[in-house]
């Protein structure tokens, strides 16, 4: 085989590889793509969920429309709503983790709080949610970890669960 003929399969393979590439239109990013929206946002599929790896054709009532995802859409939305007063540092709708940044209440400038919400299942159940709250106080110009009141995390969990039940009843009434 001559050197010119050897390059033809390489060029063909390169052409196939380039043809398989996808470009995002100007002005759009993956963040605007409905496939990357969180569970229950009403974007992505007709039933309000996001389908990954097949999923079921219809979600059950307790699953909250999060088709193909491992988290409950009502718990996800309720967690975001409940923690909205704190700045959001990170949110992973696929893993079900919401992490806030430090929040300093205006009434107590010497302390600040941070929260992490873990949504651990597809059902709207009390054991499907865990909230961790962290507290720091300012001492000598430095932020130092401090204990959190025993009922603060459970109080946050109760608020999230109440909001999730409210969202589920609104969704039921709308259907």
Protein backbone atom coordinates (compact mmCIF):
# COMPACT_ATOMS: atom_id res chain seq x y z
CA UNK A 1 0.00 0.00 0.00
CA UNK A 2 1.41 3.36 -0.97
CA UNK A 3 1.72 6.18 1.56
CA UNK A 4 -1.13 8.05 -0.15
CA UNK A 5 -3.50 5.11 0.23
CA UNK A 6 -2.61 4.71 3.91
CA UNK A 7 -3.88 8.19 4.70
CA UNK A 8 -7.38 7.55 3.26
CA UNK A 9 -8.60 5.39 6.22
CA UNK A 10 -7.17 7.95 8.64
CA UNK A 11 -9.00 10.80 6.88
CA UNK A 12 -12.20 8.75 6.80
CA UNK A 13 -11.99 8.05 10.53
CA UNK A 14 -11.31 11.72 11.22
CA UNK A 15 -14.31 12.76 9.10
CA UNK A 16 -16.58 10.34 10.98
CA UNK A 17 -15.31 11.63 14.34
CA UNK A 18 -15.86 15.28 13.37
CA UNK A 19 -19.32 14.52 11.99
CA UNK A 20 -20.29 13.06 15.37
CA UNK A 21 -19.42 16.25 17.20
CA UNK A 22 -22.18 18.55 18.38
CA UNK A 23 -21.83 22.28 18.58
CA UNK A 24 -23.96 24.51 20.75
CA UNK A 25 -25.57 27.39 18.85
CA UNK A 26 -24.21 30.85 19.57
CA UNK A 27 -25.84 32.35 22.67
CA UNK A 28 -26.81 28.99 24.15
CA UNK A 29 -24.94 27.05 26.77
CA UNK A 30 -25.50 23.71 28.39
CA UNK A 31 -27.14 25.60 31.27
CA UNK A 32 -29.95 26.74 28.96
CA UNK A 33 -30.46 23.22 27.65
CA UNK A 34 -33.62 21.70 29.18
CA UNK A 35 -31.83 18.36 29.54
CA UNK A 36 -29.68 19.90 32.29
CA UNK A 37 -32.55 21.27 34.39
CA UNK A 38 -33.30 19.90 37.85
CA UNK A 39 -36.08 17.48 38.71
CA UNK A 40 -39.64 18.75 38.57
CA UNK A 41 -38.76 22.04 36.86
CA UNK A 42 -41.25 21.44 34.11
CA UNK A 43 -38.45 21.36 31.57
CA UNK A 44 -37.05 18.38 29.78
CA UNK A 45 -40.00 16.05 29.33
CA UNK A 46 -43.74 16.44 29.00
CA UNK A 47 -44.44 15.15 32.51
CA UNK A 48 -42.20 17.71 34.23
CA UNK A 49 -39.27 15.44 34.92
CA UNK A 50 -35.96 14.64 33.36
CA UNK A 51 -35.40 11.28 31.74
CA UNK A 52 -32.01 9.68 32.16
CA UNK A 53 -31.21 6.09 31.21
CA UNK A 54 -34.80 5.25 30.28
CA UNK A 55 -36.78 5.74 33.45
CA UNK A 56 -40.42 4.88 33.97
CA UNK A 57 -43.15 6.11 31.69
CA UNK A 58 -45.05 7.84 34.52
CA UNK A 59 -43.82 8.76 37.99
CA UNK A 60 -45.81 7.80 41.04
CA UNK A 61 -47.39 10.52 43.15
CA UNK A 62 -44.71 10.33 45.84
CA UNK A 63 -41.87 10.53 43.34
CA UNK A 64 -42.85 14.04 42.34
CA UNK A 65 -42.15 13.89 38.63
CA UNK A 66 -38.42 13.24 38.86
CA UNK A 67 -38.43 10.54 36.18
CA UNK A 68 -35.08 8.79 35.91
CA UNK A 69 -33.53 10.70 38.81
CA UNK A 70 -32.72 9.36 42.24
CA UNK A 71 -34.31 12.23 44.16
CA UNK A 72 -37.84 13.31 44.91
CA UNK A 73 -38.76 16.44 42.96
CA UNK A 74 -41.00 17.80 45.75
CA UNK A 75 -38.22 17.43 48.32
CA UNK A 76 -35.75 19.01 45.89
CA UNK A 77 -37.93 22.06 45.21
CA UNK A 78 -38.93 22.39 48.88
CA UNK A 79 -35.28 22.29 49.97
CA UNK A 80 -34.39 25.04 47.52
CA UNK A 81 -37.38 27.11 48.65
CA UNK A 82 -36.61 26.65 52.36
CA UNK A 83 -32.90 27.44 52.02
CA UNK A 84 -33.49 30.36 49.62
CA UNK A 85 -32.65 32.94 52.31
CA UNK A 86 -29.06 31.65 52.32
CA UNK A 87 -26.71 32.14 49.36
CA UNK A 88 -26.47 28.99 47.26
CA UNK A 89 -22.96 27.56 46.85
CA UNK A 90 -23.78 24.33 44.99
CA UNK A 91 -26.78 22.31 43.88
CA UNK A 92 -26.63 18.83 42.36
CA UNK A 93 -30.08 17.64 41.25
CA UNK A 94 -28.69 14.27 40.17
CA UNK A 95 -27.06 13.48 43.51
CA UNK A 96 -29.65 15.34 45.57
CA UNK A 97 -27.23 17.63 47.41
CA UNK A 98 -27.73 21.34 48.09
CA UNK A 99 -24.93 23.28 49.77
CA UNK A 100 -25.34 26.87 50.88
CA UNK A 101 -22.65 29.42 51.44
CA UNK A 102 -22.20 31.12 54.80
CA UNK A 103 -25.14 33.29 55.86
CA UNK A 104 -24.77 35.99 58.48
CA UNK A 105 -28.08 37.06 60.03
CA UNK A 106 -28.38 40.86 60.18
CA UNK A 107 -29.48 40.70 63.82
CA UNK A 108 -26.37 38.77 64.96
CA UNK A 109 -23.29 40.00 63.09
CA UNK A 110 -20.91 37.88 65.18
CA UNK A 111 -22.22 34.52 63.95
CA UNK A 112 -22.89 32.83 60.64
CA UNK A 113 -24.54 29.64 59.41
CA UNK A 114 -24.14 27.20 56.56
CA UNK A 115 -26.46 24.33 55.59
CA UNK A 116 -26.30 21.20 53.49
CA UNK A 117 -29.43 19.31 52.43
CA UNK A 118 -29.26 15.69 51.31
CA UNK A 119 -32.23 14.21 49.47
CA UNK A 120 -31.77 10.48 49.76
CA UNK A 121 -34.65 8.89 47.93
CA UNK A 122 -37.40 9.06 45.37
CA UNK A 123 -40.27 8.90 47.87
CA UNK A 124 -41.63 11.80 49.85
CA UNK A 125 -40.80 10.41 53.28
CA UNK A 126 -39.28 11.85 56.42
CA UNK A 127 -36.23 9.59 56.15
CA UNK A 128 -35.62 10.77 52.58
CA UNK A 129 -34.14 14.07 53.74
CA UNK A 130 -31.26 15.07 55.97
CA UNK A 131 -30.21 18.63 56.72
CA UNK A 132 -26.90 19.50 58.36
CA UNK A 133 -26.39 22.97 59.81
CA UNK A 134 -23.00 24.46 60.68
CA UNK A 135 -22.37 27.52 62.83
CA UNK A 136 -19.36 29.75 63.34
CA UNK A 137 -18.83 32.67 65.71
CA UNK A 138 -16.31 35.44 65.40
CA UNK A 139 -13.64 35.48 68.09
CA UNK A 140 -10.67 37.80 67.89
CA UNK A 141 -11.27 38.55 64.21
CA UNK A 142 -11.36 34.83 63.29
CA UNK A 143 -14.32 32.60 62.51
CA UNK A 144 -14.39 29.65 64.90
CA UNK A 145 -16.67 26.60 64.69
CA UNK A 146 -19.38 26.60 67.33
CA UNK A 147 -22.09 24.15 68.37
CA UNK A 148 -25.49 24.37 66.72
CA UNK A 149 -28.67 24.15 68.74
CA UNK A 150 -29.92 20.56 68.82
CA UNK A 151 -33.24 21.30 67.16
CA UNK A 152 -32.01 23.60 64.37
CA UNK A 153 -31.37 20.86 61.78
CA UNK A 154 -34.56 18.99 62.62
CA UNK A 155 -36.51 22.25 62.46
CA UNK A 156 -35.14 22.88 58.96
CA UNK A 157 -36.06 19.33 57.95
CA UNK A 158 -39.60 19.86 59.25
CA UNK A 159 -39.93 23.07 57.21
CA UNK A 160 -38.68 21.34 54.06
CA UNK A 161 -41.05 18.40 54.55
CA UNK A 162 -44.02 20.72 55.15
CA UNK A 163 -43.20 22.67 51.99
CA UNK A 164 -42.80 19.41 50.01
CA UNK A 165 -46.24 18.22 51.13
CA UNK A 166 -47.67 21.60 50.15
CA UNK A 167 -46.08 21.34 46.69
CA UNK A 168 -47.42 17.80 46.27
CA UNK A 169 -50.95 18.86 47.17
CA UNK A 170 -50.71 21.79 44.72
CA UNK A 171 -49.58 19.41 41.99
CA UNK A 172 -52.43 17.02 42.78
CA UNK A 173 -54.96 19.84 42.66
CA UNK A 174 -53.58 21.06 39.33
CA UNK A 175 -54.00 17.61 37.71
